[in-house]
């Protein structure tokens, strides 16, 4: 008889946009956090957000899973916010690089990076396009 398999548990970030809006007073156009990648203050704020989860994972000896701030970084939402295809590619790459840097600096043995894109339309109104 073999031992039961215990799933690996991770600390993961969550509620990025809600945290930025309600705890930091950030105005996110169309709920798009990826726009913060375009300036130093925004990148600093994103770094602080993710590093908070690094500390939680470290305190609990748990692996960490971080999702890029790119829920709205698709071509449809990007166009609405004035980002062309090249700009969308750049912010998606920058988002991964930011998390790679945080992972490298964390000293944690396991950090998973997830590239996150949300639905083309409104995530709360299934099947509908951008309002």
Foldseek 3Di string as FASTA:
>chain_A
DDDDDDDADAQEADDVLVCCCPVVVDDDVVSQLLVLLVDDVSLVVVLVRVVVSLVVCVVVVGAYEYEFSAQQLDQLSCVVVPHHPVRSVVSLVSRVVSVVVSVVVSPRPHYHYHYHYHDQDDPVDPPDHDD
